[in-house]
Structures are given as structure tokens and as C-alpha cells.
N, C-alpha and C. Protein backbone atom coordinates (compact mmCIF):
# COMPACT_ATOMS: atom_id res chain seq x y z
N MET A 1 -70.99 124.42 -93.20
CA MET A 1 -69.68 124.33 -92.66
C MET A 1 -69.08 123.57 -92.84
N LYS A 2 -67.90 123.35 -93.83
CA LYS A 2 -67.13 122.95 -93.60
C LYS A 2 -66.42 122.18 -92.94
N GLN A 3 -66.47 120.65 -92.94
CA GLN A 3 -66.66 119.36 -91.72
C GLN A 3 -65.78 117.72 -92.64
N LYS A 4 -65.02 117.09 -92.72
CA LYS A 4 -64.72 115.73 -92.84
C LYS A 4 -65.89 114.84 -92.51
N PHE A 5 -66.29 114.07 -93.59
CA PHE A 5 -67.13 112.88 -93.92
C PHE A 5 -66.13 112.10 -94.16
N ASP A 6 -66.41 111.41 -91.97
CA ASP A 6 -65.81 109.78 -92.55
C ASP A 6 -67.67 108.65 -91.66
N ILE A 7 -67.78 108.34 -90.45
CA ILE A 7 -68.12 108.01 -89.74
C ILE A 7 -69.20 109.03 -88.44
N ILE A 8 -70.08 108.75 -88.74
CA ILE A 8 -71.43 109.84 -87.72
C ILE A 8 -71.80 108.66 -86.63
N GLU A 9 -71.95 108.51 -85.25
CA GLU A 9 -72.60 107.65 -85.14
C GLU A 9 -73.37 109.40 -84.22
N SER A 10 -74.82 108.94 -83.50
CA SER A 10 -75.10 109.24 -82.98
C SER A 10 -77.16 109.32 -82.61
N THR A 11 -77.64 110.47 -81.31
CA THR A 11 -78.99 110.12 -81.45
C THR A 11 -79.71 110.59 -82.75
N CYS A 12 -80.42 110.72 -82.72
CA CYS A 12 -81.44 111.58 -83.95
C CYS A 12 -82.69 111.45 -82.68
N VAL A 13 -83.03 113.42 -84.08
CA VAL A 13 -84.51 114.05 -83.95
C VAL A 13 -85.30 113.14 -85.16
N PRO A 14 -86.42 112.94 -84.35
CA PRO A 14 -86.87 111.99 -85.23
C PRO A 14 -88.52 113.34 -86.11
N LEU A 15 -89.50 113.10 -87.09
CA LEU A 15 -89.89 114.13 -87.47
C LEU A 15 -90.41 113.51 -88.43
N PRO A 16 -91.16 112.39 -87.83
CA PRO A 16 -91.93 112.00 -88.58
C PRO A 16 -93.76 112.28 -89.30
N LEU A 17 -93.32 113.66 -90.33
CA LEU A 17 -94.05 114.52 -91.17
C LEU A 17 -93.51 114.34 -92.71
N GLU A 18 -94.20 114.00 -93.92
CA GLU A 18 -94.30 113.75 -94.76
C GLU A 18 -94.22 115.05 -95.42
N ASN A 19 -93.77 115.32 -96.21
CA ASN A 19 -94.08 116.72 -97.45
C ASN A 19 -93.64 117.89 -97.01
N VAL A 20 -92.60 117.60 -95.83
CA VAL A 20 -92.41 119.06 -94.94
C VAL A 20 -91.53 119.85 -96.47
N ASP A 21 -91.91 121.25 -96.85
CA ASP A 21 -91.93 121.53 -97.53
C ASP A 21 -90.56 122.60 -97.58
N THR A 22 -89.84 123.09 -97.65
CA THR A 22 -88.62 124.35 -97.05
C THR A 22 -89.06 125.63 -97.45
N ASP A 23 -90.47 126.32 -97.46
CA ASP A 23 -91.13 127.52 -96.33
C ASP A 23 -91.18 126.89 -94.99
N GLN A 24 -91.65 125.18 -94.67
CA GLN A 24 -91.49 125.16 -93.41
C GLN A 24 -89.99 124.91 -92.70
N ILE A 25 -89.08 124.44 -93.38
CA ILE A 25 -88.04 124.39 -92.54
C ILE A 25 -87.15 125.76 -92.39
N ILE A 26 -87.60 126.48 -93.78
CA ILE A 26 -86.90 128.19 -92.85
C ILE A 26 -87.78 128.73 -93.78
N PRO A 27 -89.05 129.91 -93.27
CA PRO A 27 -90.23 130.66 -93.50
C PRO A 27 -89.42 130.93 -95.16
N ALA A 28 -90.87 132.04 -95.84
CA ALA A 28 -90.02 132.67 -96.43
C ALA A 28 -89.40 133.78 -96.13
N ARG A 29 -89.83 134.46 -94.81
CA ARG A 29 -89.46 136.37 -94.93
C ARG A 29 -87.55 136.15 -93.94
N PHE A 30 -87.03 134.75 -94.33
CA PHE A 30 -85.83 135.14 -93.34
C PHE A 30 -85.28 135.52 -94.53
N LEU A 31 -85.57 134.62 -95.96
CA LEU A 31 -85.19 135.14 -97.13
C LEU A 31 -84.71 136.78 -97.30
N LYS A 32 -84.92 137.21 -97.01
CA LYS A 32 -84.18 138.27 -96.38
C LYS A 32 -83.55 138.96 -96.07
N ALA A 33 -82.75 138.20 -95.63
CA ALA A 33 -81.66 137.82 -94.62
C ALA A 33 -80.75 138.60 -95.09
N THR A 34 -79.75 139.38 -94.71
CA THR A 34 -78.37 139.92 -96.06
C THR A 34 -77.22 139.17 -95.52
N THR A 35 -77.47 138.29 -93.73
CA THR A 35 -75.78 136.88 -93.28
C THR A 35 -76.02 135.45 -93.93
N ARG A 36 -75.07 135.38 -93.98
CA ARG A 36 -75.20 133.85 -94.41
C ARG A 36 -74.71 133.11 -93.22
N ASP A 37 -74.97 134.40 -92.29
CA ASP A 37 -74.44 133.21 -90.71
C ASP A 37 -75.48 131.93 -90.55
N GLU A 38 -74.41 131.00 -90.28
CA GLU A 38 -75.08 129.77 -90.21
C GLU A 38 -76.04 129.39 -89.46
N SER A 39 -76.03 130.13 -87.91
CA SER A 39 -76.75 130.17 -87.05
C SER A 39 -77.65 130.76 -87.14
N PHE A 40 -77.45 132.27 -87.48
CA PHE A 40 -79.38 132.85 -87.76
C PHE A 40 -79.69 131.89 -88.53
N PHE A 41 -79.45 131.28 -89.07
CA PHE A 41 -80.31 130.42 -90.33
C PHE A 41 -80.46 129.10 -88.74
N GLY A 42 -79.63 128.57 -88.56
CA GLY A 42 -80.64 127.43 -87.87
C GLY A 42 -80.97 127.79 -86.51
N ASP A 43 -80.79 129.75 -85.88
CA ASP A 43 -81.91 129.86 -85.03
C ASP A 43 -83.19 129.36 -85.62
N ASN A 44 -83.68 130.21 -86.67
CA ASN A 44 -84.76 130.25 -87.39
C ASN A 44 -85.55 128.65 -87.71
N LEU A 45 -84.63 127.69 -88.12
CA LEU A 45 -84.81 125.87 -88.79
C LEU A 45 -86.14 125.87 -87.61
N PHE A 46 -87.69 125.80 -88.40
CA PHE A 46 -88.86 125.36 -88.24
C PHE A 46 -89.16 126.11 -88.08
N ARG A 47 -89.06 127.66 -87.79
CA ARG A 47 -89.74 128.61 -87.25
C ARG A 47 -91.09 128.52 -86.45
N ASP A 48 -92.02 128.83 -87.54
CA ASP A 48 -92.74 128.47 -87.22
C ASP A 48 -93.54 127.01 -86.44
N TRP A 49 -93.54 126.23 -85.99
CA TRP A 49 -93.53 125.40 -85.62
C TRP A 49 -92.71 125.08 -85.03
N ARG A 50 -91.36 124.97 -84.57
CA ARG A 50 -90.65 125.38 -83.22
C ARG A 50 -91.24 126.45 -81.91
N PHE A 51 -92.12 127.65 -83.15
CA PHE A 51 -92.29 128.77 -81.70
C PHE A 51 -93.89 129.45 -81.47
N LEU A 52 -93.17 129.44 -80.74
CA LEU A 52 -95.12 130.37 -80.45
C LEU A 52 -95.89 131.27 -80.77
N PRO A 53 -97.05 131.36 -81.14
CA PRO A 53 -96.76 133.22 -81.45
C PRO A 53 -96.07 134.74 -80.55
N ASP A 54 -96.18 134.03 -79.04
CA ASP A 54 -95.89 135.48 -78.65
C ASP A 54 -93.98 135.06 -78.43
N GLY A 55 -93.20 134.36 -79.27
CA GLY A 55 -91.69 133.85 -79.66
C GLY A 55 -91.20 132.42 -78.74
N ALA A 56 -92.66 132.37 -77.61
CA ALA A 56 -91.90 131.38 -76.66
C ALA A 56 -91.61 129.98 -77.79
N PRO A 57 -90.87 128.58 -76.98
CA PRO A 57 -90.95 127.49 -77.76
C PRO A 57 -91.52 126.76 -76.88
N ASP A 58 -92.19 125.74 -78.07
CA ASP A 58 -93.25 125.01 -78.26
C ASP A 58 -92.72 123.76 -77.33
N PRO A 59 -93.95 123.51 -76.76
CA PRO A 59 -93.54 122.24 -75.90
C PRO A 59 -93.19 121.37 -76.70
N ASP A 60 -94.19 121.59 -77.20
CA ASP A 60 -94.74 120.72 -77.92
C ASP A 60 -93.45 119.82 -79.82
N PHE A 61 -93.57 120.53 -79.75
CA PHE A 61 -91.82 120.55 -81.22
C PHE A 61 -91.17 119.83 -80.55
N VAL A 62 -90.29 119.11 -81.57
CA VAL A 62 -89.12 117.92 -81.13
C VAL A 62 -87.99 118.62 -80.66
N LEU A 63 -87.84 119.82 -81.41
CA LEU A 63 -86.62 120.48 -81.43
C LEU A 63 -86.61 120.95 -79.59
N ASN A 64 -87.66 120.49 -79.65
CA ASN A 64 -87.42 121.78 -78.53
C ASN A 64 -87.62 120.87 -76.82
N ASP A 65 -88.06 119.32 -77.25
CA ASP A 65 -88.15 118.34 -76.45
C ASP A 65 -86.94 117.94 -75.67
N PRO A 66 -86.47 117.66 -74.45
CA PRO A 66 -85.17 117.56 -74.26
C PRO A 66 -84.66 116.07 -74.08
N ARG A 67 -85.59 114.71 -74.81
CA ARG A 67 -85.11 113.37 -74.68
C ARG A 67 -84.76 113.78 -76.54
N TYR A 68 -84.97 114.20 -76.66
CA TYR A 68 -84.51 114.15 -78.35
C TYR A 68 -83.20 115.35 -78.70
N GLY A 69 -82.05 115.00 -79.65
CA GLY A 69 -81.15 115.55 -80.26
C GLY A 69 -80.37 114.72 -80.92
N GLY A 70 -78.79 115.12 -80.78
CA GLY A 70 -77.88 114.55 -82.10
C GLY A 70 -77.44 115.06 -83.51
N GLU A 71 -76.62 114.64 -84.36
CA GLU A 71 -76.91 115.84 -85.35
C GLU A 71 -77.20 114.94 -86.73
N ILE A 72 -78.45 114.53 -86.08
CA ILE A 72 -79.24 113.53 -87.14
C ILE A 72 -80.43 113.34 -87.14
N LEU A 73 -81.66 114.14 -88.42
CA LEU A 73 -82.70 114.43 -88.56
C LEU A 73 -83.24 113.06 -88.85
N VAL A 74 -84.20 112.52 -88.61
CA VAL A 74 -85.10 111.49 -89.11
C VAL A 74 -86.00 112.65 -90.27
N ALA A 75 -86.67 112.24 -91.33
CA ALA A 75 -88.15 113.18 -91.80
C ALA A 75 -88.14 111.86 -92.64
N GLY A 76 -89.73 112.40 -92.85
CA GLY A 76 -90.85 111.64 -93.13
C GLY A 76 -90.25 112.19 -94.40
N ARG A 77 -91.58 110.99 -95.65
CA ARG A 77 -90.87 110.36 -97.06
C ARG A 77 -90.94 112.32 -97.86
N ASN A 78 -91.35 112.80 -98.90
CA ASN A 78 -91.23 113.64 -99.85
C ASN A 78 -90.36 115.10 -98.66
N PHE A 79 -88.98 114.67 -98.19
CA PHE A 79 -88.42 116.16 -97.40
C PHE A 79 -87.74 117.75 -97.99
N GLY A 80 -88.24 118.34 -98.44
CA GLY A 80 -87.54 119.60 -99.21
C GLY A 80 -88.47 119.40 -100.28
N SER A 81 -89.21 119.58 -100.67
CA SER A 81 -90.68 119.40 -101.20
C SER A 81 -90.35 121.30 -101.43
N GLY A 82 -90.84 121.49 -102.72
CA GLY A 82 -91.38 122.64 -102.77
C GLY A 82 -90.39 124.28 -103.66
N SER A 83 -90.44 124.69 -102.77
CA SER A 83 -88.80 126.33 -102.84
C SER A 83 -88.04 125.40 -103.06
N SER A 84 -87.12 126.16 -104.38
CA SER A 84 -85.33 125.47 -105.01
C SER A 84 -84.89 126.45 -103.68
N ARG A 85 -85.36 127.13 -102.54
CA ARG A 85 -84.27 128.58 -101.41
C ARG A 85 -83.32 127.38 -100.99
N GLU A 86 -81.77 127.36 -100.96
CA GLU A 86 -80.99 127.06 -100.76
C GLU A 86 -80.07 127.15 -99.21
N HIS A 87 -80.90 128.09 -98.63
CA HIS A 87 -81.30 128.86 -97.06
C HIS A 87 -81.80 127.07 -96.38
N ALA A 88 -82.16 126.68 -97.03
CA ALA A 88 -83.57 125.52 -95.97
C ALA A 88 -82.34 124.72 -95.97
N ALA A 89 -81.18 124.35 -96.75
CA ALA A 89 -80.11 123.69 -96.19
C ALA A 89 -79.26 124.09 -95.01
N TRP A 90 -79.03 125.41 -95.09
CA TRP A 90 -78.53 126.39 -94.40
C TRP A 90 -78.75 126.68 -92.74
N ALA A 91 -79.68 126.46 -93.20
CA ALA A 91 -80.64 126.52 -92.07
C ALA A 91 -80.29 125.17 -90.55
N ILE A 92 -80.38 123.78 -91.71
CA ILE A 92 -80.44 122.36 -91.04
C ILE A 92 -79.46 121.99 -90.91
N ALA A 93 -78.10 123.08 -92.20
CA ALA A 93 -76.67 122.46 -91.02
C ALA A 93 -76.43 123.77 -90.48
N GLY A 94 -76.95 125.20 -90.26
CA GLY A 94 -76.36 125.54 -88.81
C GLY A 94 -76.99 125.34 -87.46
N TYR A 95 -78.60 124.56 -87.98
CA TYR A 95 -78.69 124.04 -86.58
C TYR A 95 -78.04 123.24 -85.96
N GLY A 96 -76.76 122.45 -86.56
CA GLY A 96 -75.74 121.41 -86.25
C GLY A 96 -75.89 119.77 -86.82
N PHE A 97 -77.63 119.62 -87.51
CA PHE A 97 -77.58 118.43 -87.75
C PHE A 97 -76.87 118.36 -89.97
N LYS A 98 -75.81 117.08 -89.45
CA LYS A 98 -75.00 116.54 -90.33
C LYS A 98 -75.39 115.13 -91.34
N VAL A 99 -76.07 114.88 -90.87
CA VAL A 99 -77.29 113.95 -91.65
C VAL A 99 -78.18 113.79 -91.56
N VAL A 100 -79.50 113.91 -92.57
CA VAL A 100 -80.42 113.39 -92.66
C VAL A 100 -81.19 112.23 -93.35
N ILE A 101 -81.97 111.72 -92.74
CA ILE A 101 -82.60 110.24 -92.99
C ILE A 101 -83.62 110.48 -93.88
N SER A 102 -84.29 110.46 -94.63
CA SER A 102 -85.88 110.38 -95.54
C SER A 102 -85.56 108.85 -96.36
N SER A 103 -87.00 108.65 -96.85
CA SER A 103 -87.03 106.99 -97.81
C SER A 103 -87.57 108.21 -98.81
N PHE A 104 -87.08 110.04 -99.37
CA PHE A 104 -87.24 110.43 -100.49
C PHE A 104 -86.91 111.86 -99.98
N PHE A 105 -86.52 111.68 -101.23
CA PHE A 105 -86.35 113.55 -100.96
C PHE A 105 -86.51 114.72 -102.24
N ALA A 106 -86.82 115.72 -101.79
CA ALA A 106 -87.30 117.19 -103.89
C ALA A 106 -85.55 116.77 -104.12
N ASP A 107 -85.08 116.45 -105.20
CA ASP A 107 -83.60 116.45 -105.94
C ASP A 107 -82.92 118.67 -105.85
N ILE A 108 -83.91 119.51 -105.47
CA ILE A 108 -83.00 120.36 -105.27
C ILE A 108 -82.53 120.42 -104.29
N HIS A 109 -83.40 119.83 -103.26
CA HIS A 109 -82.86 120.19 -101.84
C HIS A 109 -81.92 119.20 -101.34
N LYS A 110 -82.15 117.80 -101.93
CA LYS A 110 -81.02 116.38 -101.57
C LYS A 110 -79.81 117.55 -102.09
N ASN A 111 -79.31 117.91 -103.48
CA ASN A 111 -78.61 118.59 -104.15
C ASN A 111 -78.11 119.84 -102.97
N ASN A 112 -78.49 120.76 -102.82
CA ASN A 112 -78.46 121.55 -101.73
C ASN A 112 -77.66 121.43 -100.14
N GLU A 113 -78.31 120.43 -99.76
CA GLU A 113 -77.88 119.96 -98.61
C GLU A 113 -76.23 119.30 -99.29
N LEU A 114 -76.23 118.44 -100.14
CA LEU A 114 -74.94 118.09 -99.88
C LEU A 114 -73.69 119.14 -100.70
N ASN A 115 -74.46 120.22 -101.25
CA ASN A 115 -73.26 121.44 -100.81
C ASN A 115 -73.01 122.06 -100.06
N ASN A 116 -74.02 122.09 -99.02
CA ASN A 116 -73.31 122.46 -97.10
C ASN A 116 -73.46 121.34 -95.86
N PHE A 117 -72.56 120.51 -97.12
CA PHE A 117 -72.09 119.70 -96.15
C PHE A 117 -73.41 119.15 -95.14
N VAL A 118 -73.74 118.66 -95.41
CA VAL A 118 -75.66 117.97 -94.27
C VAL A 118 -75.89 117.17 -95.47
N LEU A 119 -75.35 115.92 -95.09
CA LEU A 119 -75.92 114.42 -96.36
C LEU A 119 -77.27 114.09 -96.06
N PRO A 120 -77.60 114.23 -97.37
CA PRO A 120 -79.02 112.74 -97.26
C PRO A 120 -78.55 111.46 -97.81
N VAL A 121 -79.90 111.69 -96.70
CA VAL A 121 -79.74 109.18 -96.59
C VAL A 121 -80.51 109.17 -97.05
N VAL A 122 -80.97 108.31 -97.97
CA VAL A 122 -82.32 107.80 -98.58
C VAL A 122 -82.46 106.18 -98.45
N VAL A 123 -83.26 105.96 -97.19
CA VAL A 123 -83.33 104.84 -96.64
C VAL A 123 -85.41 104.18 -97.78
N THR A 124 -85.18 103.13 -97.43
CA THR A 124 -86.65 102.25 -97.37
C THR A 124 -87.50 103.10 -96.79
N PRO A 125 -88.42 102.74 -97.08
CA PRO A 125 -90.05 102.93 -96.45
C PRO A 125 -90.07 102.00 -94.81
N ASP A 126 -89.51 100.89 -94.85
CA ASP A 126 -89.89 99.44 -94.25
C ASP A 126 -88.47 100.15 -92.80
N PHE A 127 -87.40 100.87 -93.51
CA PHE A 127 -86.17 100.75 -92.77
C PHE A 127 -86.40 102.22 -92.16
N LEU A 128 -87.21 103.31 -92.49
CA LEU A 128 -87.43 104.27 -91.72
C LEU A 128 -88.37 103.65 -90.58
N GLU A 129 -89.29 103.54 -91.56
CA GLU A 129 -89.72 103.21 -90.28
C GLU A 129 -89.29 102.33 -89.29
N GLU A 130 -88.63 100.97 -88.88
CA GLU A 130 -88.36 101.61 -88.33
C GLU A 130 -87.01 101.93 -87.64
N LEU A 131 -86.70 102.90 -87.38
CA LEU A 131 -85.89 104.32 -87.36
C LEU A 131 -87.03 104.35 -86.29
N PHE A 132 -87.90 105.15 -86.92
CA PHE A 132 -89.11 105.93 -85.63
C PHE A 132 -88.89 104.76 -84.29
N ALA A 133 -89.90 103.48 -84.69
CA ALA A 133 -90.29 102.86 -84.36
C ALA A 133 -88.67 103.11 -83.39
N SER A 134 -87.57 102.41 -83.57
CA SER A 134 -86.82 102.69 -82.20
C SER A 134 -86.13 103.80 -81.52
N ILE A 135 -86.53 105.51 -82.24
CA ILE A 135 -86.30 106.77 -81.31
C ILE A 135 -87.50 106.33 -80.62
N GLU A 136 -88.71 106.57 -81.22
CA GLU A 136 -89.92 106.12 -79.78
C GLU A 136 -89.86 105.59 -79.00
N ALA A 137 -89.93 104.14 -78.93
CA ALA A 137 -89.89 103.66 -77.88
C ALA A 137 -88.07 103.87 -76.91
N ASP A 138 -87.23 104.35 -77.60
CA ASP A 138 -85.59 105.11 -77.01
C ASP A 138 -84.36 105.55 -77.28
N PRO A 139 -85.39 107.34 -76.93
CA PRO A 139 -84.88 108.22 -77.80
C PRO A 139 -83.18 108.40 -77.93
N ALA A 140 -82.46 107.35 -76.67
CA ALA A 140 -81.29 106.95 -76.90
C ALA A 140 -80.21 106.47 -78.10
N THR A 141 -81.53 105.75 -78.70
CA THR A 141 -81.26 105.15 -80.15
C THR A 141 -80.48 105.51 -80.50
N LYS A 142 -79.12 105.28 -80.59
CA LYS A 142 -78.47 105.74 -82.16
C LYS A 142 -78.25 105.35 -83.57
N VAL A 143 -77.80 105.71 -83.89
CA VAL A 143 -78.13 105.32 -85.65
C VAL A 143 -76.18 105.94 -85.95
N ARG A 144 -75.56 105.00 -86.92
CA ARG A 144 -74.31 104.56 -87.80
C ARG A 144 -74.37 104.44 -88.97
N VAL A 145 -73.79 106.30 -88.93
CA VAL A 145 -73.77 106.36 -91.10
C VAL A 145 -72.24 106.33 -91.51
N ASP A 146 -71.78 105.29 -91.78
CA ASP A 146 -70.74 104.99 -92.55
C ASP A 146 -70.60 106.60 -93.66
N VAL A 147 -70.05 106.64 -94.10
CA VAL A 147 -70.03 107.63 -95.21
C VAL A 147 -68.79 106.57 -96.37
N PRO A 148 -67.67 106.52 -95.56
CA PRO A 148 -67.08 105.46 -96.67
C PRO A 148 -67.45 103.83 -97.48
N ASN A 149 -68.21 103.15 -96.91
CA ASN A 149 -69.25 102.44 -97.03
C ASN A 149 -70.51 102.96 -97.49
N GLN A 150 -70.91 103.53 -97.43
CA GLN A 150 -72.03 104.00 -97.33
C GLN A 150 -72.74 103.24 -97.21
N THR A 151 -73.13 102.70 -95.30
CA THR A 151 -74.19 102.37 -94.70
C THR A 151 -74.73 103.01 -93.61
N VAL A 152 -75.96 102.47 -93.79
CA VAL A 152 -75.97 103.01 -92.94
C VAL A 152 -77.47 101.80 -91.59
N THR A 153 -77.26 102.13 -90.27
CA THR A 153 -76.54 101.69 -89.61
C THR A 153 -78.40 101.12 -88.77
N ASN A 154 -79.16 101.19 -87.51
CA ASN A 154 -79.59 101.18 -86.05
C ASN A 154 -79.28 100.64 -85.57
N LEU A 155 -78.62 100.90 -84.59
CA LEU A 155 -77.32 100.49 -83.76
C LEU A 155 -78.91 99.51 -82.46
N ALA A 156 -79.57 99.61 -82.70
CA ALA A 156 -81.03 99.59 -81.72
C ALA A 156 -81.09 98.05 -82.59
N THR A 157 -81.42 97.59 -83.45
CA THR A 157 -80.95 96.21 -84.16
C THR A 157 -80.27 95.76 -84.61
N GLY A 158 -79.72 96.46 -84.98
CA GLY A 158 -78.90 95.86 -86.34
C GLY A 158 -78.32 95.72 -87.75
N ARG A 159 -79.25 96.22 -88.09
CA ARG A 159 -80.20 96.69 -89.26
C ARG A 159 -79.02 97.68 -90.16
N SER A 160 -78.94 97.14 -91.19
CA SER A 160 -78.15 98.56 -91.60
C SER A 160 -78.53 98.00 -93.34
N GLN A 161 -78.53 99.25 -94.26
CA GLN A 161 -78.74 100.09 -95.53
C GLN A 161 -78.15 100.22 -96.61
N SER A 162 -77.63 100.36 -97.07
CA SER A 162 -76.62 100.54 -98.01
C SER A 162 -77.04 101.83 -98.32
N PHE A 163 -76.72 103.07 -99.08
CA PHE A 163 -77.27 104.40 -99.47
C PHE A 163 -76.22 104.82 -100.46
N GLU A 164 -77.01 105.07 -101.64
CA GLU A 164 -76.49 105.68 -102.61
C GLU A 164 -75.27 106.88 -102.70
N LEU A 165 -74.18 107.83 -103.24
CA LEU A 165 -73.80 108.85 -102.96
C LEU A 165 -73.44 109.03 -104.39
N ASN A 166 -73.14 110.13 -105.38
CA ASN A 166 -72.51 110.51 -106.02
C ASN A 166 -71.08 110.77 -105.94
N ALA A 167 -70.06 109.48 -106.68
CA ALA A 167 -68.75 109.45 -106.33
C ALA A 167 -68.17 110.80 -106.28
N TYR A 168 -68.23 111.57 -107.21
CA TYR A 168 -68.16 113.19 -106.27
C TYR A 168 -68.42 114.00 -105.35
N LYS A 169 -69.77 113.95 -105.17
CA LYS A 169 -69.77 114.72 -103.79
C LYS A 169 -69.38 113.57 -102.85
N LYS A 170 -68.99 112.26 -102.60
CA LYS A 170 -68.66 111.82 -101.47
C LYS A 170 -67.03 111.92 -101.27
N TYR A 171 -66.24 111.86 -101.86
CA TYR A 171 -64.57 112.79 -102.65
C TYR A 171 -65.04 113.92 -101.87
N CYS A 172 -65.60 114.99 -102.03
CA CYS A 172 -65.86 116.30 -101.30
C CYS A 172 -66.39 116.40 -99.93
N LEU A 173 -67.47 115.39 -99.95
CA LEU A 173 -67.05 115.56 -98.33
C LEU A 173 -66.86 114.95 -97.29
N MET A 174 -66.10 114.09 -98.24
CA MET A 174 -64.86 113.08 -97.06
C MET A 174 -63.81 114.14 -97.10
N ASN A 175 -63.69 114.66 -97.71
CA ASN A 175 -62.17 115.75 -97.80
C ASN A 175 -62.51 117.11 -97.40
N ALA A 176 -63.59 117.18 -97.48
CA ALA A 176 -64.22 119.03 -96.68
C ALA A 176 -64.01 119.59 -98.31
N LEU A 177 -64.13 120.20 -99.39
CA LEU A 177 -64.41 120.04 -100.00
C LEU A 177 -65.84 120.47 -100.41
N ASP A 178 -66.18 121.71 -101.21
CA ASP A 178 -66.84 122.90 -101.16
C ASP A 178 -66.17 122.76 -103.40
N ASP A 179 -67.38 122.12 -104.29
CA ASP A 179 -66.88 123.26 -105.88
C ASP A 179 -65.97 123.78 -105.88
N ILE A 180 -65.66 125.26 -104.89
CA ILE A 180 -64.59 126.24 -105.52
C ILE A 180 -63.41 125.05 -104.95
N ASP A 181 -63.21 124.60 -103.81
CA ASP A 181 -62.60 124.16 -103.41
C ASP A 181 -61.61 122.49 -104.17
N TYR A 182 -62.18 122.74 -105.24
CA TYR A 182 -62.57 120.70 -105.57
C TYR A 182 -61.38 122.04 -107.32
N LEU A 183 -62.00 122.13 -107.02
CA LEU A 183 -61.82 122.92 -108.98
C LEU A 183 -60.03 123.62 -108.08
N LEU A 184 -60.00 123.73 -107.38
CA LEU A 184 -58.73 124.75 -107.08
C LEU A 184 -57.78 123.69 -107.00
N LEU A 185 -57.87 122.92 -106.44
CA LEU A 185 -57.54 121.48 -106.92
C LEU A 185 -56.39 120.71 -108.15
N GLN A 186 -57.91 121.51 -108.86
CA GLN A 186 -57.11 120.58 -110.01
C GLN A 186 -56.53 121.56 -111.17
N LYS A 187 -56.19 122.79 -110.00
CA LYS A 187 -55.16 124.04 -110.79
C LYS A 187 -54.24 123.30 -111.94
N ASP A 188 -53.15 122.61 -111.03
CA ASP A 188 -52.27 122.41 -112.38
C ASP A 188 -52.46 121.83 -113.10
N LYS A 189 -53.49 121.04 -113.41
CA LYS A 189 -54.38 119.61 -113.90
C LYS A 189 -55.57 120.94 -114.72
N ILE A 190 -55.24 121.94 -114.91
CA ILE A 190 -55.90 122.77 -115.43
C ILE A 190 -54.64 123.61 -116.39
N GLU A 191 -53.96 124.02 -115.63
CA GLU A 191 -53.56 125.29 -116.53
C GLU A 191 -52.24 124.32 -117.40
N ALA A 192 -52.47 123.01 -116.95
CA ALA A 192 -51.19 122.86 -117.91
C ALA A 192 -52.09 122.00 -119.76
N TYR A 193 -53.64 121.51 -119.22
CA TYR A 193 -54.34 121.38 -119.98
C TYR A 193 -54.43 122.64 -121.24
N GLU A 194 -54.70 124.26 -120.50
CA GLU A 194 -54.33 125.32 -121.79
C GLU A 194 -52.86 125.29 -121.91
N LYS A 195 -52.15 125.43 -121.80
CA LYS A 195 -50.64 125.37 -122.49
C LYS A 195 -50.74 124.19 -123.58
N ARG A 196 -50.96 123.01 -123.85
CA ARG A 196 -51.43 122.19 -124.87
C ARG A 196 -52.29 122.37 -125.40
């Protein structure tokens, strides 16, 4: 969903698992869907972990734990590895996450998130561990992600870190533009160049 990014302050959903691949984020059987409806993919985010074989919610999975919620997913190292399916980013966005914080993202998945208005924030391993500890100690812990200044702050401890963000993608996120929108904004410049 296109939305302007500025400062996001939210509670978090902790997923302290490493090597979460795109098949775990959205199982392959959902790739045959003919819809692009974000809610369809969001409803099936982490489907095989989130639901029991009979379709009932698994009470032991974090998305079904009423203590946790918010617009920020805090995930273990190497998030989004495996298949390059863009559907994984659709599912994350469709569930309502605006930010995913991890110490490492698979490159293709990271770009898919950015292209679908989900901000992947890379932090150091020790900062990530501190976040997990703060959220475990108090599920009401909030994190502030300041996109203009490219900082992430654990409000429980006051500790901040800077994160990298490509200048073009930053501009697009802050102005709710996808790649096509951005090109359309350049239409006059493109036409002037062609005339020259």
C-alpha cells in the first residue's frame, strides 16, 4: 500500500528466528493466486507457522499472541532468504507491517520490501539482541524509526542506531511514490530531453 513514510513509532512483533525464508513467509501454494489483494497475502503471512493443520490459529505462534502487535516486525538474521518471490513482501505489507528490523536481509527480498512500501532496517547484531530483550521484558516496548534522519531508537533503553537507505528509495518512501509514479513525475524532463 502506498503511504508516506516519516517517523514510525510502534510496538513490535518479535520473531527471533534466523534464516526465515520466503517460503516460510508465504508458502509456495499461494503463488498460484490470481489476486494482488494485499489482505489475501497478509491473511496468509507465515501460514504454516500461524495455523494448525485444522486451520485453527496456533496459540504458540507470535502473531496469535495478544501481547504482541504493531507495525514493526523484529526478525532474526538472514530474513527473506530463498526464493525471490515478491509475494513475501506483499504478505508482510498486507498484514500491516511498515518496517522489518533485522541484522541481515537477503538482497532480493530487501529490494522487494522497499518496492512494496515496507522499510527493511539493518541493525547490528547486538542492537537486535537488545531489541529482542526489551520486547521480551515488556511487550509494550516501542521503537521509533525516523526515516528522514535514518535512525532507529529502542525507546525502552534510549539507544539509537543509524541505518542505510538508498537516497532514491528514501525519496520514494517519503513521497509515497513507486517507480512508475517517480518516472511520471519526470515526464516534462524526459520530453524536453527527447526534443533536444
